[in-house]
């Protein structure tokens, strides 16, 4: 599971760099763009970076717990985080290039990220005493 997060995190980081190049190529006259739209673009771009860093961290540190309920929470958290990441990339494309404005896509991507981290939090807590 951690290897999947690591690979997915690297792919998201590559996506982050590609989206940055697209913004630079498509919007070279930054001074003439509406500043609210520019902030929206940049925030959606940064959400992709945040998502990649979460996956990279999980890829390095995550260890599945032996208890079945905890393992299920961790796997569910990973699935939710993956869906959130895909939604955030989709939100970048839609809000930046199609709508040129706000939609609920990025909001739900962030909510799903919060839910996925919460599932990992509860799934990763130690139960009982250390030996």
Protein backbone atom coordinates (compact mmCIF):
# COMPACT_ATOMS: atom_id res chain seq x y z
CA UNK A 1 0.00 0.00 0.00
CA UNK A 2 2.79 2.44 0.80
CA UNK A 3 4.40 1.82 -2.58
CA UNK A 4 1.13 2.78 -4.29
CA UNK A 5 1.07 6.06 -2.34
CA UNK A 6 4.70 6.73 -3.24
CA UNK A 7 4.16 6.14 -6.96
CA UNK A 8 0.90 8.11 -6.97
CA UNK A 9 2.57 10.95 -5.04
CA UNK A 10 5.36 11.14 -7.62
CA UNK A 11 2.81 11.18 -10.44
CA UNK A 12 0.91 13.97 -8.70
CA UNK A 13 4.11 15.95 -8.25
CA UNK A 14 4.82 15.58 -11.97
CA UNK A 15 1.24 16.74 -12.60
CA UNK A 16 1.93 19.75 -10.37
CA UNK A 17 4.97 20.71 -12.44
CA UNK A 18 3.05 20.21 -15.70
CA UNK A 19 0.15 22.37 -14.53
CA UNK A 20 2.65 25.05 -13.56
CA UNK A 21 4.12 24.99 -17.06
CA UNK A 22 0.65 25.21 -18.58
CA UNK A 23 -0.19 28.24 -16.47
CA UNK A 24 3.05 29.93 -17.49
CA UNK A 25 2.48 29.19 -21.18
CA UNK A 26 -1.25 29.97 -21.29
CA UNK A 27 -1.21 33.06 -19.07
CA UNK A 28 2.15 34.80 -19.68
CA UNK A 29 0.69 38.28 -19.05
CA UNK A 30 0.07 37.82 -15.34
CA UNK A 31 -0.31 41.51 -14.71
CA UNK A 32 -3.32 41.76 -17.01
CA UNK A 33 -5.26 38.84 -15.54
CA UNK A 34 -7.99 39.54 -13.02
CA UNK A 35 -6.29 39.08 -9.66
CA UNK A 36 -9.15 37.04 -8.20
CA UNK A 37 -8.89 34.59 -11.11
CA UNK A 38 -5.11 34.48 -10.74
CA UNK A 39 -5.43 33.59 -7.04
CA UNK A 40 -8.00 30.92 -7.90
CA UNK A 41 -5.61 29.39 -10.46
CA UNK A 42 -2.68 29.42 -8.08
CA UNK A 43 -4.65 27.94 -5.19
CA UNK A 44 -5.91 25.06 -7.35
CA UNK A 45 -2.34 24.50 -8.49
CA UNK A 46 -1.10 24.44 -4.89
CA UNK A 47 -3.84 21.97 -3.92
CA UNK A 48 -2.25 19.50 -6.33
CA UNK A 49 1.11 20.03 -4.62
CA UNK A 50 -0.46 19.50 -1.20
CA UNK A 51 -2.09 16.31 -2.39
CA UNK A 52 1.17 14.98 -3.81
CA UNK A 53 2.98 15.70 -0.55
CA UNK A 54 0.34 13.82 1.46
CA UNK A 55 0.74 10.78 -0.78
CA UNK A 56 4.53 10.99 -0.68
CA UNK A 57 4.46 11.14 3.12
CA UNK A 58 2.16 8.15 3.32
CA UNK A 59 4.34 6.34 0.82
CA UNK A 60 7.35 6.75 3.05
CA UNK A 61 5.86 6.24 6.51
CA UNK A 62 2.62 4.25 6.26
CA UNK A 63 2.54 0.75 7.70
CA UNK A 64 -0.71 -1.18 7.71
CA UNK A 65 -1.86 -2.10 11.20
CA UNK A 66 -2.44 -5.78 11.98
CA UNK A 67 -5.87 -5.22 13.55
CA UNK A 68 -8.52 -5.74 10.81
CA UNK A 69 -10.61 -2.69 11.74
CA UNK A 70 -7.57 -0.42 11.69
CA UNK A 71 -6.36 -1.88 8.42
CA UNK A 72 -9.82 -1.30 6.91
CA UNK A 73 -9.75 2.35 8.06
CA UNK A 74 -6.30 2.84 6.55
CA UNK A 75 -7.31 1.28 3.22
CA UNK A 76 -10.51 3.34 3.14
CA UNK A 77 -8.48 6.46 3.93
CA UNK A 78 -6.12 5.69 1.06
CA UNK A 79 -9.02 5.22 -1.34
CA UNK A 80 -10.63 8.49 -0.24
CA UNK A 81 -7.33 10.38 -0.55
CA UNK A 82 -6.79 8.99 -4.03
CA UNK A 83 -10.28 10.08 -5.08
CA UNK A 84 -9.66 13.51 -3.52
CA UNK A 85 -6.42 13.91 -5.46
CA UNK A 86 -8.06 13.04 -8.74
CA UNK A 87 -10.88 15.46 -7.96
CA UNK A 88 -8.39 18.25 -7.19
CA UNK A 89 -6.61 17.73 -10.51
CA UNK A 90 -9.97 17.72 -12.29
CA UNK A 91 -10.98 20.88 -10.39
CA UNK A 92 -7.81 22.62 -11.59
CA UNK A 93 -8.68 21.88 -15.21
CA UNK A 94 -12.37 22.76 -14.92
CA UNK A 95 -12.08 25.87 -12.78
CA UNK A 96 -9.04 27.30 -14.57
CA UNK A 97 -9.70 26.46 -18.20
CA UNK A 98 -13.42 25.84 -18.56
CA UNK A 99 -15.25 27.95 -15.98
CA UNK A 100 -12.61 30.61 -15.31
CA UNK A 101 -14.07 30.72 -11.83
CA UNK A 102 -15.08 28.91 -8.70
CA UNK A 103 -17.01 25.64 -8.49
CA UNK A 104 -17.58 23.14 -5.71
CA UNK A 105 -15.12 20.63 -7.18
CA UNK A 106 -12.08 21.89 -5.29
CA UNK A 107 -14.11 22.31 -2.11
CA UNK A 108 -15.18 18.66 -2.23
CA UNK A 109 -11.62 17.63 -3.06
CA UNK A 110 -10.44 19.32 0.12
CA UNK A 111 -13.28 17.83 2.17
CA UNK A 112 -12.39 14.37 0.87
CA UNK A 113 -8.74 15.01 1.73
CA UNK A 114 -9.76 15.86 5.28
CA UNK A 115 -11.88 12.70 5.49
CA UNK A 116 -9.05 10.54 4.14
CA UNK A 117 -6.56 11.95 6.63
CA UNK A 118 -9.10 11.42 9.43
CA UNK A 119 -9.54 7.78 8.44
CA UNK A 120 -5.76 7.35 8.42
CA UNK A 121 -5.54 9.04 11.81
CA UNK A 122 -8.01 6.67 13.43
CA UNK A 123 -6.67 3.68 11.56
CA UNK A 124 -3.10 4.43 12.57
CA UNK A 125 -3.67 4.94 16.29
CA UNK A 126 -2.15 2.31 18.50
CA UNK A 127 -4.55 0.12 20.43
CA UNK A 128 -3.51 -1.23 23.78
CA UNK A 129 -0.08 -1.13 25.36
CA UNK A 130 3.30 -1.21 23.72
CA UNK A 131 5.42 -4.17 24.63
